[in-house]
Amino acid sequence: MTDRETKKFISIIFEKITSSNTNNDLIEIEKESFDRKYIMDSTSFPKIDFNISSTEIDELIKSNIIDKNYNLNPLSKNSDPLIKLLYSIIWKNGDLKKLKHITKGIHRDDLSIMEQEKSFVFYQFGKYLTKQENQPIIDQHVLRAFAIYQCDDIQEIRQIRGFKVITKKEKNLIKDYINWLSSDSINNTLKKEAEYLYYIDRILFASGRLTKKK
């Protein structure tokens, strides 16, 4: 796919998203637009039906499961078996520090992504888990697709297609994406659908993955 073809493809995808009224419309966009290899694996990443509130994080702090800096404290031998199992998976993958940023994203509802200095993907994932309005999941693929949508310079699109790591430089892009989701570009009827952000995320994940420069 050339850079011009990439721009045209992304423009069509976003036009379809902004014309959607239901989650089923979004599901159809994903089905008809992408080869299976670009689509998010629903087995590995099923839709999350629960939410986590700031109050629940307060309870974890009071129970000494996490500290005030959102670090997970070592578990006792008497901890719930499921908690011990999940802790073991996080430990084995070296992801204990990532959990801190997810927890902060949930708890600090007074802080936007613009006030975060690092680990933007995990912090924003915490925001998503609160299930508050217009708090999407972000990753390199989603932001790549949105950046291409915003850009009309073909030379710049070539650079965007090679984008891999989310840094401070992308904070304004993240802000623009969140603002776009809450704007009139998205039909109000779609905004009334539960979990519509999840289905938009799936489409943009596949879009960004497909258009990534090899």
C-alpha atoms as a PDB file:
ATOM      1  CA  MET A   1       0.000   0.000   0.000  1.00  0.00           C
ATOM      2  CA  THR A   2       1.486   3.363  -1.034  1.00  0.00           C
ATOM      3  CA  ASP A   3       1.329   6.423   1.201  1.00  0.00           C
ATOM      4  CA  ARG A   4      -1.438   7.943  -0.940  1.00  0.00           C
ATOM      5  CA  GLU A   5      -3.377   4.680  -0.868  1.00  0.00           C
ATOM      6  CA  THR A   6      -2.883   4.611   2.897  1.00  0.00           C
ATOM      7  CA  LYS A   7      -4.383   8.086   3.281  1.00  0.00           C
ATOM      8  CA  LYS A   8      -7.350   7.167   1.086  1.00  0.00           C
ATOM      9  CA  PHE A   9      -7.958   3.909   2.974  1.00  0.00           C
ATOM     10  CA  ILE A  10      -7.835   5.595   6.394  1.00  0.00           C
ATOM     11  CA  SER A  11     -10.142   8.392   5.207  1.00  0.00           C
ATOM     12  CA  ILE A  12     -12.707   5.806   4.084  1.00  0.00           C
ATOM     13  CA  ILE A  13     -12.478   3.969   7.421  1.00  0.00           C
ATOM     14  CA  PHE A  14     -13.051   7.168   9.398  1.00  0.00           C
ATOM     15  CA  GLU A  15     -15.925   8.163   7.131  1.00  0.00           C
ATOM     16  CA  LYS A  16     -17.551   4.808   7.897  1.00  0.00           C
ATOM     17  CA  ILE A  17     -16.987   5.259  11.636  1.00  0.00           C
ATOM     18  CA  THR A  18     -18.521   8.732  11.631  1.00  0.00           C
ATOM     19  CA  SER A  19     -21.517   7.396   9.685  1.00  0.00           C
ATOM     20  CA  SER A  20     -22.143   4.596  12.190  1.00  0.00           C
ATOM     21  CA  ASN A  21     -25.159   4.604  14.493  1.00  0.00           C
ATOM     22  CA  THR A  22     -24.737   1.308  16.350  1.00  0.00           C
ATOM     23  CA  ASN A  23     -22.085  -1.097  17.578  1.00  0.00           C
ATOM     24  CA  ASN A  24     -23.263  -3.523  14.898  1.00  0.00           C
ATOM     25  CA  ASP A  25     -22.330  -0.925  12.272  1.00  0.00           C
ATOM     26  CA  LEU A  26     -18.825  -0.802  13.746  1.00  0.00           C
ATOM     27  CA  ILE A  27     -18.577  -4.593  13.856  1.00  0.00           C
ATOM     28  CA  GLU A  28     -19.462  -4.723  10.153  1.00  0.00           C
ATOM     29  CA  ILE A  29     -16.724  -2.203   9.320  1.00  0.00           C
ATOM     30  CA  GLU A  30     -14.157  -4.444  10.977  1.00  0.00           C
ATOM     31  CA  LYS A  31     -15.459  -7.572   9.242  1.00  0.00           C
ATOM     32  CA  GLU A  32     -15.566  -6.112   5.739  1.00  0.00           C
ATOM     33  CA  SER A  33     -12.383  -4.014   5.840  1.00  0.00           C
ATOM     34  CA  PHE A  34      -9.610  -6.205   7.245  1.00  0.00           C
ATOM     35  CA  ASP A  35      -7.942  -9.542   6.809  1.00  0.00           C
ATOM     36  CA  ARG A  36      -8.096 -11.630   9.979  1.00  0.00           C
ATOM     37  CA  LYS A  37      -4.341 -11.242  10.606  1.00  0.00           C
ATOM     38  CA  TYR A  38      -4.799  -7.510  11.302  1.00  0.00           C
ATOM     39  CA  ILE A  39      -7.792  -7.874  13.618  1.00  0.00           C
ATOM     40  CA  MET A  40      -7.426  -7.904  17.397  1.00  0.00           C
ATOM     41  CA  ASP A  41      -7.673 -11.459  18.738  1.00  0.00           C
ATOM     42  CA  SER A  42     -10.892 -11.613  20.776  1.00  0.00           C
ATOM     43  CA  THR A  43      -9.589 -14.633  22.674  1.00  0.00           C
ATOM     44  CA  SER A  44      -6.522 -12.748  23.902  1.00  0.00           C
ATOM     45  CA  PHE A  45      -8.355  -9.422  24.243  1.00  0.00           C
ATOM     46  CA  PRO A  46     -12.035 -10.072  25.038  1.00  0.00           C
ATOM     47  CA  LYS A  47     -14.299  -7.128  25.773  1.00  0.00           C
ATOM     48  CA  ILE A  48     -13.983  -6.002  29.398  1.00  0.00           C
ATOM     49  CA  ASP A  49     -17.462  -5.850  30.908  1.00  0.00           C
ATOM     50  CA  PHE A  50     -16.479  -4.613  34.365  1.00  0.00           C
ATOM     51  CA  ASN A  51     -15.262  -1.237  35.578  1.00  0.00           C
ATOM     52  CA  ILE A  52     -12.914  -0.249  38.400  1.00  0.00           C
ATOM     53  CA  SER A  53     -13.643   2.881  40.417  1.00  0.00           C
ATOM     54  CA  SER A  54     -11.432   5.296  42.312  1.00  0.00           C
ATOM     55  CA  THR A  55     -13.220   4.191  45.493  1.00  0.00           C
ATOM     56  CA  GLU A  56     -12.166   0.596  44.892  1.00  0.00           C
ATOM     57  CA  ILE A  57      -8.540   1.727  44.620  1.00  0.00           C
ATOM     58  CA  ASP A  58      -8.984   3.539  47.950  1.00  0.00           C
ATOM     59  CA  GLU A  59     -10.039   0.214  49.454  1.00  0.00           C
ATOM     60  CA  LEU A  60      -6.936  -1.510  48.071  1.00  0.00           C
ATOM     61  CA  ILE A  61      -4.770   1.177  49.668  1.00  0.00           C
ATOM     62  CA  LYS A  62      -6.590   0.840  53.009  1.00  0.00           C
ATOM     63  CA  SER A  63      -6.149  -2.936  52.844  1.00  0.00           C
ATOM     64  CA  ASN A  64      -2.407  -2.459  52.212  1.00  0.00           C
ATOM     65  CA  ILE A  65      -2.611  -4.399  48.942  1.00  0.00           C
ATOM     66  CA  ILE A  66      -1.092  -1.374  47.205  1.00  0.00           C
ATOM     67  CA  ASP A  67       0.729   1.598  48.724  1.00  0.00           C
ATOM     68  CA  LYS A  68      -0.036   5.296  48.299  1.00  0.00           C
ATOM     69  CA  ASN A  69       2.317   5.447  45.308  1.00  0.00           C
ATOM     70  CA  TYR A  70       0.295   2.675  43.613  1.00  0.00           C
ATOM     71  CA  ASN A  71       2.988   0.035  44.021  1.00  0.00           C
ATOM     72  CA  LEU A  72       1.678  -3.482  44.574  1.00  0.00           C
ATOM     73  CA  ASN A  73       2.821  -4.730  47.972  1.00  0.00           C
ATOM     74  CA  PRO A  74       4.177  -8.288  48.341  1.00  0.00           C
ATOM     75  CA  LEU A  75       1.329 -10.721  48.912  1.00  0.00           C
ATOM     76  CA  SER A  76       0.921 -12.712  52.091  1.00  0.00           C
ATOM     77  CA  LYS A  77       0.619 -16.500  52.131  1.00  0.00           C
ATOM     78  CA  ASN A  78      -3.042 -16.093  53.054  1.00  0.00           C
ATOM     79  CA  SER A  79      -3.972 -14.032  49.984  1.00  0.00           C
ATOM     80  CA  ASP A  80      -6.806 -15.172  47.735  1.00  0.00           C
ATOM     81  CA  PRO A  81      -5.549 -17.936  45.356  1.00  0.00           C
ATOM     82  CA  LEU A  82      -6.767 -16.062  42.269  1.00  0.00           C
ATOM     83  CA  ILE A  83      -4.942 -12.906  43.367  1.00  0.00           C
ATOM     84  CA  LYS A  84      -1.769 -14.935  43.936  1.00  0.00           C
ATOM     85  CA  LEU A  85      -2.088 -16.519  40.505  1.00  0.00           C
ATOM     86  CA  LEU A  86      -2.618 -13.180  38.743  1.00  0.00           C
ATOM     87  CA  TYR A  87       0.259 -11.636  40.728  1.00  0.00           C
ATOM     88  CA  SER A  88       2.479 -14.506  39.580  1.00  0.00           C
ATOM     89  CA  ILE A  89       1.622 -13.870  35.920  1.00  0.00           C
ATOM     90  CA  ILE A  90       2.335 -10.141  36.287  1.00  0.00           C
ATOM     91  CA  TRP A  91       5.610 -10.912  38.089  1.00  0.00           C
ATOM     92  CA  LYS A  92       6.728 -13.466  35.484  1.00  0.00           C
ATOM     93  CA  ASN A  93       6.099 -10.991  32.661  1.00  0.00           C
ATOM     94  CA  GLY A  94       7.976  -8.234  34.499  1.00  0.00           C
ATOM     95  CA  ASP A  95       4.869  -6.050  34.515  1.00  0.00           C
ATOM     96  CA  LEU A  96       4.586  -4.972  38.158  1.00  0.00           C
ATOM     97  CA  LYS A  97       5.613  -1.398  37.279  1.00  0.00           C
ATOM     98  CA  LYS A  98       2.981  -1.239  34.537  1.00  0.00           C
ATOM     99  CA  LEU A  99       0.267  -2.063  37.056  1.00  0.00           C
ATOM    100  CA  LYS A 100       1.254   1.051  39.004  1.00  0.00           C
ATOM    101  CA  HIS A 101       0.420   3.317  36.068  1.00  0.00           C
ATOM    102  CA  ILE A 102      -2.884   1.557  35.353  1.00  0.00           C
ATOM    103  CA  THR A 103      -3.865   1.979  39.009  1.00  0.00           C
ATOM    104  CA  LYS A 104      -2.911   5.659  38.949  1.00  0.00           C
ATOM    105  CA  GLY A 105      -5.034   6.179  35.834  1.00  0.00           C
ATOM    106  CA  ILE A 106      -8.043   4.730  37.640  1.00  0.00           C
ATOM    107  CA  HIS A 107      -7.504   6.563  40.924  1.00  0.00           C
ATOM    108  CA  ARG A 108      -6.473  10.038  39.787  1.00  0.00           C
ATOM    109  CA  ASP A 109      -9.634  11.178  38.072  1.00  0.00           C
ATOM    110  CA  ASP A 110      -8.397  14.742  38.629  1.00  0.00           C
ATOM    111  CA  LEU A 111      -5.403  14.210  36.304  1.00  0.00           C
ATOM    112  CA  SER A 112      -5.673  14.098  32.526  1.00  0.00           C
ATOM    113  CA  ILE A 113      -3.265  12.325  30.193  1.00  0.00           C
ATOM    114  CA  MET A 114      -1.600  15.720  29.571  1.00  0.00           C
ATOM    115  CA  GLU A 115      -0.355  15.740  33.163  1.00  0.00           C
ATOM    116  CA  GLN A 116       1.169  12.269  32.906  1.00  0.00           C
ATOM    117  CA  GLU A 117       4.917  12.123  32.166  1.00  0.00           C
ATOM    118  CA  LYS A 118       5.379   8.505  31.063  1.00  0.00           C
ATOM    119  CA  SER A 119       3.700   5.131  30.518  1.00  0.00           C
ATOM    120  CA  PHE A 120       0.857   6.806  28.644  1.00  0.00           C
ATOM    121  CA  VAL A 121      -0.620   3.570  27.275  1.00  0.00           C
ATOM    122  CA  PHE A 122      -1.047   2.015  30.724  1.00  0.00           C
ATOM    123  CA  TYR A 123      -2.178   5.235  32.405  1.00  0.00           C
ATOM    124  CA  GLN A 124      -4.861   5.732  29.760  1.00  0.00           C
ATOM    125  CA  PHE A 125      -5.870   2.083  30.031  1.00  0.00           C
ATOM    126  CA  GLY A 126      -6.600   2.799  33.687  1.00  0.00           C
ATOM    127  CA  LYS A 127      -8.818   5.692  32.574  1.00  0.00           C
ATOM    128  CA  TYR A 128     -10.618   3.328  30.198  1.00  0.00           C
ATOM    129  CA  LEU A 129     -11.238   0.833  33.018  1.00  0.00           C
ATOM    130  CA  THR A 130     -13.238   3.453  34.932  1.00  0.00           C
ATOM    131  CA  LYS A 131     -15.710   3.334  32.008  1.00  0.00           C
ATOM    132  CA  GLN A 132     -16.191   7.079  32.236  1.00  0.00           C
ATOM    133  CA  GLU A 133     -17.240   8.885  29.066  1.00  0.00           C
ATOM    134  CA  ASN A 134     -14.675   9.401  26.300  1.00  0.00           C
ATOM    135  CA  GLN A 135     -11.830   7.491  27.932  1.00  0.00           C
ATOM    136  CA  PRO A 136     -10.542   5.184  25.185  1.00  0.00           C
ATOM    137  CA  ILE A 137      -7.824   2.576  25.000  1.00  0.00           C
ATOM    138  CA  ILE A 138      -4.745   3.830  23.150  1.00  0.00           C
ATOM    139  CA  ASP A 139      -1.763   2.110  21.573  1.00  0.00           C
ATOM    140  CA  GLN A 140       0.658   2.713  18.722  1.00  0.00           C
ATOM    141  CA  HIS A 141      -1.708   1.278  16.098  1.00  0.00           C
ATOM    142  CA  VAL A 142      -4.727   3.366  17.138  1.00  0.00           C
ATOM    143  CA  LEU A 143      -2.672   6.556  17.279  1.00  0.00           C
ATOM    144  CA  ARG A 144      -1.000   5.779  13.952  1.00  0.00           C
ATOM    145  CA  ALA A 145      -4.398   5.481  12.282  1.00  0.00           C
ATOM    146  CA  PHE A 146      -5.680   8.684  13.885  1.00  0.00           C
ATOM    147  CA  ALA A 147      -2.496  10.610  13.014  1.00  0.00           C
ATOM    148  CA  ILE A 148      -2.825   9.558   9.358  1.00  0.00           C
ATOM    149  CA  TYR A 149      -6.480  10.641   9.403  1.00  0.00           C
ATOM    150  CA  GLN A 150      -5.470  14.090  10.669  1.00  0.00           C
ATOM    151  CA  CYS A 151      -2.598  14.537   8.215  1.00  0.00           C
ATOM    152  CA  ASP A 152      -2.819  15.724   4.597  1.00  0.00           C
ATOM    153  CA  ASP A 153       0.930  15.816   3.909  1.00  0.00           C
ATOM    154  CA  ILE A 154       1.951  12.631   2.080  1.00  0.00           C
ATOM    155  CA  GLN A 155       5.601  12.983   3.116  1.00  0.00           C
ATOM    156  CA  GLU A 156       4.565  13.272   6.750  1.00  0.00           C
ATOM    157  CA  ILE A 157       2.253  10.272   6.390  1.00  0.00           C
ATOM    158  CA  ARG A 158       5.277   8.237   5.329  1.00  0.00           C
ATOM    159  CA  GLN A 159       6.914   9.081   8.667  1.00  0.00           C
ATOM    160  CA  ILE A 160       3.729   8.421  10.628  1.00  0.00           C
ATOM    161  CA  ARG A 161       3.509   4.930   9.153  1.00  0.00           C
ATOM    162  CA  GLY A 162       6.842   4.120  10.805  1.00  0.00           C
ATOM    163  CA  PHE A 163       5.714   5.401  14.213  1.00  0.00           C
ATOM    164  CA  LYS A 164       6.166   2.767  16.948  1.00  0.00           C
ATOM    165  CA  VAL A 165       6.791   4.232  20.412  1.00  0.00           C
ATOM    166  CA  ILE A 166       4.440   6.589  22.266  1.00  0.00           C
ATOM    167  CA  THR A 167       6.399   9.384  23.970  1.00  0.00           C
ATOM    168  CA  LYS A 168       5.717  12.865  25.348  1.00  0.00           C
ATOM    169  CA  LYS A 169       5.664  14.131  21.763  1.00  0.00           C
ATOM    170  CA  GLU A 170       2.400  12.231  21.206  1.00  0.00           C
ATOM    171  CA  LYS A 171       0.543  13.770  24.165  1.00  0.00           C
ATOM    172  CA  ASN A 172      -1.219  16.322  21.971  1.00  0.00           C
ATOM    173  CA  LEU A 173      -2.137  13.565  19.524  1.00  0.00           C
ATOM    174  CA  ILE A 174      -3.687  11.578  22.382  1.00  0.00           C
ATOM    175  CA  LYS A 175      -5.584  14.685  23.508  1.00  0.00           C
ATOM    176  CA  ASP A 176      -6.831  15.278  19.948  1.00  0.00           C
ATOM    177  CA  TYR A 177      -8.005  11.669  19.712  1.00  0.00           C
ATOM    178  CA  ILE A 178      -9.919  11.868  22.993  1.00  0.00           C
ATOM    179  CA  ASN A 179     -11.474  15.177  21.900  1.00  0.00           C
ATOM    180  CA  TRP A 180     -12.453  13.680  18.538  1.00  0.00           C
ATOM    181  CA  LEU A 181     -14.298  10.847  20.262  1.00  0.00           C
ATOM    182  CA  SER A 182     -16.350  13.354  22.257  1.00  0.00           C
ATOM    183  CA  SER A 183     -16.973  15.665  19.296  1.00  0.00           C
ATOM    184  CA  ASP A 184     -19.948  15.880  16.961  1.00  0.00           C
ATOM    185  CA  SER A 185     -17.971  13.760  14.488  1.00  0.00           C
ATOM    186  CA  ILE A 186     -19.346  10.726  16.339  1.00  0.00           C
ATOM    187  CA  ASN A 187     -23.113  10.323  16.010  1.00  0.00           C
ATOM    188  CA  ASN A 188     -25.033  10.846  19.245  1.00  0.00           C
ATOM    189  CA  THR A 189     -26.951   7.629  18.621  1.00  0.00           C
ATOM    190  CA  LEU A 190     -23.663   5.717  18.588  1.00  0.00           C
ATOM    191  CA  LYS A 191     -22.506   7.432  21.781  1.00  0.00           C
ATOM    192  CA  LYS A 192     -25.569   5.974  23.521  1.00  0.00           C
ATOM    193  CA  GLU A 193     -24.361   2.440  22.747  1.00  0.00           C
ATOM    194  CA  ALA A 194     -22.555   0.621  25.553  1.00  0.00           C
ATOM    195  CA  GLU A 195     -18.880  -0.061  24.793  1.00  0.00           C
ATOM    196  CA  TYR A 196     -18.847   1.744  21.444  1.00  0.00           C
ATOM    197  CA  LEU A 197     -15.308   2.915  22.288  1.00  0.00           C
ATOM    198  CA  TYR A 198     -14.180  -0.715  22.373  1.00  0.00           C
ATOM    199  CA  TYR A 199     -15.421  -1.308  18.835  1.00  0.00           C
ATOM    200  CA  ILE A 200     -13.860   1.908  17.523  1.00  0.00           C
ATOM    201  CA  ASP A 201     -10.614   0.820  19.167  1.00  0.00           C
ATOM    202  CA  ARG A 202     -10.760  -2.515  17.359  1.00  0.00           C
ATOM    203  CA  ILE A 203     -11.233  -0.803  13.985  1.00  0.00           C
ATOM    204  CA  LEU A 204      -8.399   1.667  14.525  1.00  0.00           C
ATOM    205  CA  PHE A 205      -6.129  -1.068  15.905  1.00  0.00           C
ATOM    206  CA  ALA A 206      -6.584  -3.031  12.679  1.00  0.00           C
ATOM    207  CA  SER A 207      -6.230   0.143  10.575  1.00  0.00           C
ATOM    208  CA  GLY A 208      -2.974   1.151  12.211  1.00  0.00           C
ATOM    209  CA  ARG A 209      -1.628  -2.374  12.057  1.00  0.00           C
ATOM    210  CA  LEU A 210      -2.434  -2.699   8.350  1.00  0.00           C
ATOM    211  CA  THR A 211      -0.914   0.656   7.413  1.00  0.00           C
ATOM    212  CA  LYS A 212       2.240   0.307   9.536  1.00  0.00           C
ATOM    213  CA  LYS A 213       5.335   0.658   7.384  1.00  0.00           C
ATOM    214  CA  LYS A 214       7.051  -2.709   7.108  1.00  0.00           C
END
